[in-house]
PDB file of N, CA and C in Angstrom:
ATOM      1  N   MET A   1       7.798-104.620  31.470  1.00  0.00           N
ATOM      2  CA  MET A   1       8.864-104.011  30.722  1.00  0.00           C
ATOM      3  C   MET A   1       8.396-102.719  30.034  1.00  0.00           C
ATOM      4  N   TYR A   2       7.196-102.734  29.477  1.00  0.00           N
ATOM      5  CA  TYR A   2       6.702-101.569  28.744  1.00  0.00           C
ATOM      6  C   TYR A   2       6.210-100.458  29.673  1.00  0.00           C
ATOM      7  N   LEU A   3       5.925-100.789  30.913  1.00  0.00           N
ATOM      8  CA  LEU A   3       5.393 -99.785  31.837  1.00  0.00           C
ATOM      9  C   LEU A   3       6.389 -98.664  32.095  1.00  0.00           C
ATOM     10  N   ARG A   4       7.680 -98.988  32.174  1.00  0.00           N
ATOM     11  CA  ARG A   4       8.654 -97.944  32.501  1.00  0.00           C
ATOM     12  C   ARG A   4       8.961 -97.025  31.327  1.00  0.00           C
ATOM     13  N   ILE A   5       8.583 -97.415  30.104  1.00  0.00           N
ATOM     14  CA  ILE A   5       8.856 -96.535  28.963  1.00  0.00           C
ATOM     15  C   ILE A   5       7.670 -95.632  28.637  1.00  0.00           C
ATOM     16  N   MET A   6       6.604 -95.760  29.409  1.00  0.00           N
ATOM     17  CA  MET A   6       5.439 -94.901  29.186  1.00  0.00           C
ATOM     18  C   MET A   6       5.713 -93.507  29.760  1.00  0.00           C
ATOM     19  N   PRO A   7       5.513 -92.477  28.943  1.00  0.00           N
ATOM     20  CA  PRO A   7       5.704 -91.108  29.452  1.00  0.00           C
ATOM     21  C   PRO A   7       4.767 -90.818  30.623  1.00  0.00           C
ATOM     22  N   ASN A   8       5.211 -89.965  31.519  1.00  0.00           N
ATOM     23  CA  ASN A   8       4.436 -89.644  32.728  1.00  0.00           C
ATOM     24  C   ASN A   8       3.073 -89.034  32.431  1.00  0.00           C
ATOM     25  N   TYR A   9       2.942 -88.329  31.331  1.00  0.00           N
ATOM     26  CA  TYR A   9       1.672 -87.663  31.034  1.00  0.00           C
ATOM     27  C   TYR A   9       0.603 -88.618  30.495  1.00  0.00           C
ATOM     28  N   VAL A  10       0.976 -89.861  30.201  1.00  0.00           N
ATOM     29  CA  VAL A  10      -0.002 -90.856  29.744  1.00  0.00           C
ATOM     30  C   VAL A  10      -0.661 -91.464  30.976  1.00  0.00           C
ATOM     31  N   PRO A  11      -1.987 -91.396  31.049  1.00  0.00           N
ATOM     32  CA  PRO A  11      -2.675 -91.937  32.222  1.00  0.00           C
ATOM     33  C   PRO A  11      -2.778 -93.469  32.158  1.00  0.00           C
ATOM     34  N   ASN A  12      -2.911 -94.089  33.301  1.00  0.00           N
ATOM     35  CA  ASN A  12      -3.193 -95.523  33.419  1.00  0.00           C
ATOM     36  C   ASN A  12      -2.260 -96.373  32.548  1.00  0.00           C
ATOM     37  N   HIS A  13      -1.006 -96.376  32.887  1.00  0.00           N
ATOM     38  CA  HIS A  13       0.024 -97.042  32.075  1.00  0.00           C
ATOM     39  C   HIS A  13      -0.299 -98.491  31.742  1.00  0.00           C
ATOM     40  N   LYS A  14      -0.704 -99.249  32.733  1.00  0.00           N
ATOM     41  CA  LYS A  14      -0.956-100.675  32.519  1.00  0.00           C
ATOM     42  C   LYS A  14      -2.053-100.883  31.471  1.00  0.00           C
ATOM     43  N   PHE A  15      -3.127-100.130  31.575  1.00  0.00           N
ATOM     44  CA  PHE A  15      -4.224-100.252  30.611  1.00  0.00           C
ATOM     45  C   PHE A  15      -3.779 -99.815  29.220  1.00  0.00           C
ATOM     46  N   MET A  16      -2.997 -98.755  29.135  1.00  0.00           N
ATOM     47  CA  MET A  16      -2.546 -98.258  27.823  1.00  0.00           C
ATOM     48  C   MET A  16      -1.596 -99.252  27.149  1.00  0.00           C
ATOM     49  N   VAL A  17      -0.733 -99.916  27.908  1.00  0.00           N
ATOM     50  CA  VAL A  17       0.139-100.936  27.341  1.00  0.00           C
ATOM     51  C   VAL A  17      -0.710-102.096  26.818  1.00  0.00           C
ATOM     52  N   PHE A  18      -1.680-102.521  27.612  1.00  0.00           N
ATOM     53  CA  PHE A  18      -2.590-103.588  27.198  1.00  0.00           C
ATOM     54  C   PHE A  18      -3.343-103.192  25.936  1.00  0.00           C
ATOM     55  N   LEU A  19      -3.879-101.979  25.918  1.00  0.00           N
ATOM     56  CA  LEU A  19      -4.659-101.494  24.781  1.00  0.00           C
ATOM     57  C   LEU A  19      -3.811-101.407  23.509  1.00  0.00           C
ATOM     58  N   SER A  20      -2.594-100.920  23.636  1.00  0.00           N
ATOM     59  CA  SER A  20      -1.735-100.814  22.452  1.00  0.00           C
ATOM     60  C   SER A  20      -1.358-102.198  21.922  1.00  0.00           C
ATOM     61  N   GLY A  21      -1.154-103.147  22.803  1.00  0.00           N
ATOM     62  CA  GLY A  21      -0.859-104.516  22.376  1.00  0.00           C
ATOM     63  C   GLY A  21      -2.020-105.139  21.627  1.00  0.00           C
ATOM     64  N   ILE A  22      -3.211-104.955  22.164  1.00  0.00           N
ATOM     65  CA  ILE A  22      -4.423-105.472  21.497  1.00  0.00           C
ATOM     66  C   ILE A  22      -4.590-104.806  20.140  1.00  0.00           C
ATOM     67  N   ALA A  23      -4.379-103.494  20.083  1.00  0.00           N
ATOM     68  CA  ALA A  23      -4.509-102.762  18.819  1.00  0.00           C
ATOM     69  C   ALA A  23      -3.507-103.273  17.782  1.00  0.00           C
ATOM     70  N   GLU A  24      -2.281-103.540  18.212  1.00  0.00           N
ATOM     71  CA  GLU A  24      -1.261-104.050  17.285  1.00  0.00           C
ATOM     72  C   GLU A  24      -1.673-105.394  16.702  1.00  0.00           C
ATOM     73  N   VAL A  25      -2.204-106.278  17.538  1.00  0.00           N
ATOM     74  CA  VAL A  25      -2.628-107.597  17.066  1.00  0.00           C
ATOM     75  C   VAL A  25      -3.808-107.461  16.100  1.00  0.00           C
ATOM     76  N   ILE A  26      -4.793-106.667  16.468  1.00  0.00           N
ATOM     77  CA  ILE A  26      -5.977-106.497  15.621  1.00  0.00           C
ATOM     78  C   ILE A  26      -5.599-105.867  14.284  1.00  0.00           C
ATOM     79  N   LEU A  27      -4.756-104.854  14.316  1.00  0.00           N
ATOM     80  CA  LEU A  27      -4.351-104.199  13.068  1.00  0.00           C
ATOM     81  C   LEU A  27      -3.514-105.132  12.201  1.00  0.00           C
ATOM     82  N   GLY A  28      -2.661-105.937  12.812  1.00  0.00           N
ATOM     83  CA  GLY A  28      -1.877-106.914  12.060  1.00  0.00           C
ATOM     84  C   GLY A  28      -2.766-107.920  11.359  1.00  0.00           C
ATOM     85  N   ILE A  29      -3.776-108.416  12.059  1.00  0.00           N
ATOM     86  CA  ILE A  29      -4.726-109.362  11.460  1.00  0.00           C
ATOM     87  C   ILE A  29      -5.543-108.670  10.372  1.00  0.00           C
ATOM     88  N   SER A  30      -5.907-107.424  10.591  1.00  0.00           N
ATOM     89  CA  SER A  30      -6.716-106.671   9.623  1.00  0.00           C
ATOM     90  C   SER A  30      -6.008-106.500   8.281  1.00  0.00           C
ATOM     91  N   LEU A  31      -4.680-106.513   8.301  1.00  0.00           N
ATOM     92  CA  LEU A  31      -3.930-106.391   7.050  1.00  0.00           C
ATOM     93  C   LEU A  31      -4.194-107.561   6.103  1.00  0.00           C
ATOM     94  N   CYS A  32      -4.660-108.669   6.640  1.00  0.00           N
ATOM     95  CA  CYS A  32      -4.922-109.867   5.826  1.00  0.00           C
ATOM     96  C   CYS A  32      -6.240-109.792   5.067  1.00  0.00           C
ATOM     97  N   PHE A  33      -7.059-108.814   5.384  1.00  0.00           N
ATOM     98  CA  PHE A  33      -8.375-108.690   4.750  1.00  0.00           C
ATOM     99  C   PHE A  33      -8.392-107.466   3.845  1.00  0.00           C
ATOM    100  N   PRO A  34      -8.538-107.682   2.527  1.00  0.00           N
ATOM    101  CA  PRO A  34      -8.475-106.566   1.575  1.00  0.00           C
ATOM    102  C   PRO A  34      -9.413-105.402   1.921  1.00  0.00           C
ATOM    103  N   LEU A  35     -10.575-105.709   2.463  1.00  0.00           N
ATOM    104  CA  LEU A  35     -11.539-104.662   2.798  1.00  0.00           C
ATOM    105  C   LEU A  35     -11.041-103.761   3.937  1.00  0.00           C
ATOM    106  N   LEU A  36     -10.230-104.298   4.822  1.00  0.00           N
ATOM    107  CA  LEU A  36      -9.757-103.564   5.995  1.00  0.00           C
ATOM    108  C   LEU A  36      -8.324-103.063   5.858  1.00  0.00           C
ATOM    109  N   LYS A  37      -7.634-103.514   4.818  1.00  0.00           N
ATOM    110  CA  LYS A  37      -6.200-103.262   4.689  1.00  0.00           C
ATOM    111  C   LYS A  37      -5.833-101.779   4.744  1.00  0.00           C
ATOM    112  N   ASN A  38      -6.477-100.935   3.942  1.00  0.00           N
ATOM    113  CA  ASN A  38      -6.123 -99.506   3.914  1.00  0.00           C
ATOM    114  C   ASN A  38      -6.385 -98.821   5.251  1.00  0.00           C
ATOM    115  N   VAL A  39      -7.494 -99.146   5.874  1.00  0.00           N
ATOM    116  CA  VAL A  39      -7.812 -98.558   7.179  1.00  0.00           C
ATOM    117  C   VAL A  39      -6.765 -98.993   8.201  1.00  0.00           C
ATOM    118  N   ALA A  40      -6.400-100.272   8.167  1.00  0.00           N
ATOM    119  CA  ALA A  40      -5.397-100.785   9.096  1.00  0.00           C
ATOM    120  C   ALA A  40      -4.059-100.075   8.888  1.00  0.00           C
ATOM    121  N   ILE A  41      -3.691 -99.845   7.637  1.00  0.00           N
ATOM    122  CA  ILE A  41      -2.429 -99.163   7.349  1.00  0.00           C
ATOM    123  C   ILE A  41      -2.438 -97.747   7.911  1.00  0.00           C
ATOM    124  N   PHE A  42      -3.526 -97.021   7.708  1.00  0.00           N
ATOM    125  CA  PHE A  42      -3.610 -95.656   8.257  1.00  0.00           C
ATOM    126  C   PHE A  42      -3.537 -95.677   9.785  1.00  0.00           C
ATOM    127  N   LEU A  43      -4.167 -96.647  10.406  1.00  0.00           N
ATOM    128  CA  LEU A  43      -4.128 -96.735  11.866  1.00  0.00           C
ATOM    129  C   LEU A  43      -2.743 -97.151  12.373  1.00  0.00           C
ATOM    130  N   ILE A  44      -2.062 -98.003  11.624  1.00  0.00           N
ATOM    131  CA  ILE A  44      -0.696 -98.384  11.991  1.00  0.00           C
ATOM    132  C   ILE A  44       0.219 -97.168  11.901  1.00  0.00           C
ATOM    133  N   ILE A  45       0.065 -96.390  10.850  1.00  0.00           N
ATOM    134  CA  ILE A  45       0.861 -95.161  10.714  1.00  0.00           C
ATOM    135  C   ILE A  45       0.561 -94.216  11.875  1.00  0.00           C
ATOM    136  N   SER A  46      -0.697 -94.119  12.257  1.00  0.00           N
ATOM    137  CA  SER A  46      -1.075 -93.274  13.398  1.00  0.00           C
ATOM    138  C   SER A  46      -0.427 -93.766  14.688  1.00  0.00           C
ATOM    139  N   MET A  47      -0.422 -95.069  14.891  1.00  0.00           N
ATOM    140  CA  MET A  47       0.215 -95.623  16.093  1.00  0.00           C
ATOM    141  C   MET A  47       1.708 -95.336  16.096  1.00  0.00           C
ATOM    142  N   LEU A  48       2.344 -95.459  14.937  1.00  0.00           N
ATOM    143  CA  LEU A  48       3.772 -95.164  14.863  1.00  0.00           C
ATOM    144  C   LEU A  48       4.050 -93.699  15.194  1.00  0.00           C
ATOM    145  N   LEU A  49       3.159 -92.811  14.771  1.00  0.00           N
ATOM    146  CA  LEU A  49       3.301 -91.389  15.116  1.00  0.00           C
ATOM    147  C   LEU A  49       3.161 -91.184  16.625  1.00  0.00           C
ATOM    148  N   ILE A  50       2.177 -91.831  17.205  1.00  0.00           N
ATOM    149  CA  ILE A  50       1.950 -91.713  18.649  1.00  0.00           C
ATOM    150  C   ILE A  50       3.130 -92.291  19.429  1.00  0.00           C
ATOM    151  N   PHE A  51       3.686 -93.407  18.939  1.00  0.00           N
ATOM    152  CA  PHE A  51       4.809 -94.049  19.624  1.00  0.00           C
ATOM    153  C   PHE A  51       6.082 -93.218  19.559  1.00  0.00           C
ATOM    154  N   LEU A  52       6.127 -92.226  18.686  1.00  0.00           N
ATOM    155  CA  LEU A  52       7.280 -91.325  18.655  1.00  0.00           C
ATOM    156  C   LEU A  52       7.503 -90.690  20.023  1.00  0.00           C
ATOM    157  N   SER A  53       6.414 -90.360  20.705  1.00  0.00           N
ATOM    158  CA  SER A  53       6.546 -89.744  22.030  1.00  0.00           C
ATOM    159  C   SER A  53       7.241 -90.678  23.012  1.00  0.00           C
ATOM    160  N   VAL A  54       7.002 -91.974  22.874  1.00  0.00           N
ATOM    161  CA  VAL A  54       7.667 -92.955  23.734  1.00  0.00           C
ATOM    162  C   VAL A  54       9.163 -92.977  23.443  1.00  0.00           C
ATOM    163  N   HIS A  55       9.533 -92.935  22.168  1.00  0.00           N
ATOM    164  CA  HIS A  55      10.951 -92.960  21.802  1.00  0.00           C
ATOM    165  C   HIS A  55      11.672 -91.699  22.298  1.00  0.00           C
ATOM    166  N   ILE A  56      11.008 -90.586  22.201  1.00  0.00           N
ATOM    167  CA  ILE A  56      11.597 -89.337  22.695  1.00  0.00           C
ATOM    168  C   ILE A  56      11.720 -89.387  24.221  1.00  0.00           C
ATOM    169  N   TYR A  57      10.705 -89.919  24.888  1.00  0.00           N
ATOM    170  CA  TYR A  57      10.752 -90.063  26.340  1.00  0.00           C
ATOM    171  C   TYR A  57      11.911 -90.971  26.754  1.00  0.00           C
ATOM    172  N   MET A  58      12.108 -92.067  26.041  1.00  0.00           N
ATOM    173  CA  MET A  58      13.209 -92.979  26.353  1.00  0.00           C
ATOM    174  C   MET A  58      14.562 -92.290  26.171  1.00  0.00           C
ATOM    175  N   LEU A  59      14.627 -91.400  25.189  1.00  0.00           N
ATOM    176  CA  LEU A  59      15.866 -90.676  24.923  1.00  0.00           C
ATOM    177  C   LEU A  59      16.172 -89.651  26.020  1.00  0.00           C
ATOM    178  N   THR A  60      15.141 -89.116  26.629  1.00  0.00           N
ATOM    179  CA  THR A  60      15.327 -88.054  27.614  1.00  0.00           C
ATOM    180  C   THR A  60      15.252 -88.526  29.067  1.00  0.00           C
ATOM    181  N   ASN A  61      14.922 -89.798  29.291  1.00  0.00           N
ATOM    182  CA  ASN A  61      14.774 -90.313  30.644  1.00  0.00           C
ATOM    183  C   ASN A  61      15.642 -91.555  30.807  1.00  0.00           C
ATOM    184  N   LYS A  62      16.626 -91.478  31.679  1.00  0.00           N
ATOM    185  CA  LYS A  62      17.595 -92.570  31.842  1.00  0.00           C
ATOM    186  C   LYS A  62      16.930 -93.878  32.268  1.00  0.00           C
ATOM    187  N   LYS A  63      15.979 -93.807  33.190  1.00  0.00           N
ATOM    188  CA  LYS A  63      15.297 -95.014  33.648  1.00  0.00           C
ATOM    189  C   LYS A  63      14.499 -95.652  32.510  1.00  0.00           C
ATOM    190  N   ALA A  64      13.837 -94.830  31.720  1.00  0.00           N
ATOM    191  CA  ALA A  64      13.035 -95.343  30.605  1.00  0.00           C
ATOM    192  C   ALA A  64      13.913 -95.888  29.485  1.00  0.00           C
ATOM    193  N   ALA A  65      15.153 -95.455  29.416  1.00  0.00           N
ATOM    194  CA  ALA A  65      16.066 -95.895  28.357  1.00  0.00           C
ATOM    195  C   ALA A  65      16.379 -97.387  28.459  1.00  0.00           C
ATOM    196  N   ALA A  66      16.122 -97.968  29.607  1.00  0.00           N
ATOM    197  CA  ALA A  66      16.270 -99.411  29.814  1.00  0.00           C
ATOM    198  C   ALA A  66      17.676 -99.915  29.491  1.00  0.00           C
ATOM    199  N   GLY A  67      18.677 -99.067  29.690  1.00  0.00           N
ATOM    200  CA  GLY A  67      20.048 -99.476  29.461  1.00  0.00           C
ATOM    201  C   GLY A  67      20.473 -99.540  28.001  1.00  0.00           C
ATOM    202  N   LEU A  68      19.608 -99.114  27.107  1.00  0.00           N
ATOM    203  CA  LEU A  68      19.970 -99.101  25.686  1.00  0.00           C
ATOM    204  C   LEU A  68      20.977 -97.989  25.420  1.00  0.00           C
ATOM    205  N   PRO A  69      21.911 -98.223  24.499  1.00  0.00           N
ATOM    206  CA  PRO A  69      22.873 -97.161  24.192  1.00  0.00           C
ATOM    207  C   PRO A  69      22.184 -95.959  23.548  1.00  0.00           C
ATOM    208  N   ARG A  70      22.725 -94.796  23.821  1.00  0.00           N
ATOM    209  CA  ARG A  70      22.124 -93.551  23.312  1.00  0.00           C
ATOM    210  C   ARG A  70      21.993 -93.561  21.791  1.00  0.00           C
ATOM    211  N   TRP A  71      23.002 -94.091  21.080  1.00  0.00           N
ATOM    212  CA  TRP A  71      22.942 -94.107  19.619  1.00  0.00           C
ATOM    213  C   TRP A  71      21.746 -94.933  19.129  1.00  0.00           C
ATOM    214  N   ALA A  72      21.408 -96.015  19.847  1.00  0.00           N
ATOM    215  CA  ALA A  72      20.263 -96.849  19.458  1.00  0.00           C
ATOM    216  C   ALA A  72      18.957 -96.097  19.694  1.00  0.00           C
ATOM    217  N   LEU A  73      18.891 -95.354  20.787  1.00  0.00           N
ATOM    218  CA  LEU A  73      17.692 -94.568  21.080  1.00  0.00           C
ATOM    219  C   LEU A  73      17.488 -93.470  20.040  1.00  0.00           C
ATOM    220  N   ILE A  74      18.589 -92.868  19.610  1.00  0.00           N
ATOM    221  CA  ILE A  74      18.503 -91.811  18.587  1.00  0.00           C
ATOM    222  C   ILE A  74      18.094 -92.417  17.249  1.00  0.00           C
ATOM    223  N   LEU A  75      18.647 -93.575  16.926  1.00  0.00           N
ATOM    224  CA  LEU A  75      18.352 -94.238  15.654  1.00  0.00           C
ATOM    225  C   LEU A  75      16.894 -94.661  15.544  1.00  0.00           C
ATOM    226  N   ARG A  76      16.269 -94.945  16.676  1.00  0.00           N
ATOM    227  CA  ARG A  76      14.867 -95.385  16.662  1.00  0.00           C
ATOM    228  C   ARG A  76      13.916 -94.302  16.159  1.00  0.00           C
ATOM    229  N   ILE A  77      14.272 -93.052  16.354  1.00  0.00           N
ATOM    230  CA  ILE A  77      13.372 -91.967  15.941  1.00  0.00           C
ATOM    231  C   ILE A  77      13.231 -91.896  14.420  1.00  0.00           C
ATOM    232  N   PRO A  78      14.325 -91.797  13.654  1.00  0.00           N
ATOM    233  CA  PRO A  78      14.131 -91.792  12.194  1.00  0.00           C
ATOM    234  C   PRO A  78      13.590 -93.130  11.681  1.00  0.00           C
ATOM    235  N   MET A  79      13.867 -94.220  12.406  1.00  0.00           N
ATOM    236  CA  MET A  79      13.342 -95.526  11.994  1.00  0.00           C
ATOM    237  C   MET A  79      11.814 -95.533  12.003  1.00  0.00           C
ATOM    238  N   GLN A  80      11.211 -94.778  12.915  1.00  0.00           N
ATOM    239  CA  GLN A  80       9.748 -94.674  12.939  1.00  0.00           C
ATOM    240  C   GLN A  80       9.234 -94.110  11.612  1.00  0.00           C
ATOM    241  N   PHE A  81       9.928 -93.110  11.090  1.00  0.00           N
ATOM    242  CA  PHE A  81       9.503 -92.511   9.829  1.00  0.00           C
ATOM    243  C   PHE A  81       9.705 -93.473   8.658  1.00  0.00           C
ATOM    244  N   VAL A  82      10.761 -94.261   8.717  1.00  0.00           N
ATOM    245  CA  VAL A  82      10.982 -95.293   7.690  1.00  0.00           C
ATOM    246  C   VAL A  82       9.840 -96.312   7.729  1.00  0.00           C
ATOM    247  N   LEU A  83       9.463 -96.726   8.928  1.00  0.00           N
ATOM    248  CA  LEU A  83       8.355 -97.674   9.068  1.00  0.00           C
ATOM    249  C   LEU A  83       7.032 -97.082   8.590  1.00  0.00           C
ATOM    250  N   MET A  84       6.819 -95.797   8.865  1.00  0.00           N
ATOM    251  CA  MET A  84       5.595 -95.131   8.382  1.00  0.00           C
ATOM    252  C   MET A  84       5.562 -95.112   6.857  1.00  0.00           C
ATOM    253  N   PHE A  85       6.690 -94.781   6.242  1.00  0.00           N
ATOM    254  CA  PHE A  85       6.762 -94.751   4.780  1.00  0.00           C
ATOM    255  C   PHE A  85       6.560 -96.154   4.211  1.00  0.00           C
ATOM    256  N   TRP A  86       7.134 -97.148   4.861  1.00  0.00           N
ATOM    257  CA  TRP A  86       6.996 -98.530   4.411  1.00  0.00           C
ATOM    258  C   TRP A  86       5.524 -98.946   4.450  1.00  0.00           C
ATOM    259  N   ALA A  87       4.838 -98.637   5.538  1.00  0.00           N
ATOM    260  CA  ALA A  87       3.411 -98.955   5.637  1.00  0.00           C
ATOM    261  C   ALA A  87       2.629 -98.200   4.560  1.00  0.00           C
ATOM    262  N   TYR A  88       2.947 -96.934   4.391  1.00  0.00           N
ATOM    263  CA  TYR A  88       2.260 -96.101   3.389  1.00  0.00           C
ATOM    264  C   TYR A  88       2.426 -96.673   1.985  1.00  0.00           C
ATOM    265  N   SER A  89       3.577 -97.249   1.701  1.00  0.00           N
ATOM    266  CA  SER A  89       3.845 -97.785   0.368  1.00  0.00           C
ATOM    267  C   SER A  89       2.936 -98.966   0.015  1.00  0.00           C
ATOM    268  N   TYR A  90       2.297 -99.564   0.992  1.00  0.00           N
ATOM    269  CA  TYR A  90       1.385-100.684   0.746  1.00  0.00           C
ATOM    270  C   TYR A  90      -0.066-100.244   0.561  1.00  0.00           C
ATOM    271  N   LEU A  91      -0.322 -98.956   0.689  1.00  0.00           N
ATOM    272  CA  LEU A  91      -1.692 -98.451   0.481  1.00  0.00           C
ATOM    273  C   LEU A  91      -2.104 -98.652  -0.968  1.00  0.00           C
ATOM    274  N   GLN A  92      -3.335 -99.035  -1.136  1.00  0.00           N
ATOM    275  CA  GLN A  92      -3.883 -99.166  -2.486  1.00  0.00           C
ATOM    276  C   GLN A  92      -4.951 -98.101  -2.663  1.00  0.00           C
ATOM    277  N   LEU A  93      -4.516 -96.970  -3.217  1.00  0.00           N
ATOM    278  CA  LEU A  93      -5.438 -95.849  -3.392  1.00  0.00           C
ATOM    279  C   LEU A  93      -6.101 -95.878  -4.750  1.00  0.00           C
TER     280      LEU A  93
END
């Protein structure tokens, strides 16, 4: 399912989907450890920034859109920024 939403310029789609999934799990677990929490939050924000390209690709490519309505694809872009701000709000500086 995730292979078709990968932009063409990303090499080795299958490996990148696998890698991003592993990163999401590791970062989620890292949030449970106070020593790793801030680093995990910064990396989660970075992943959300990188995933913006996927959302834009889905908006501009009918096959990658996976049949989702255009309004939902458009709404996902500002939602990324909301999620970034939400993650940032948990930083303990």
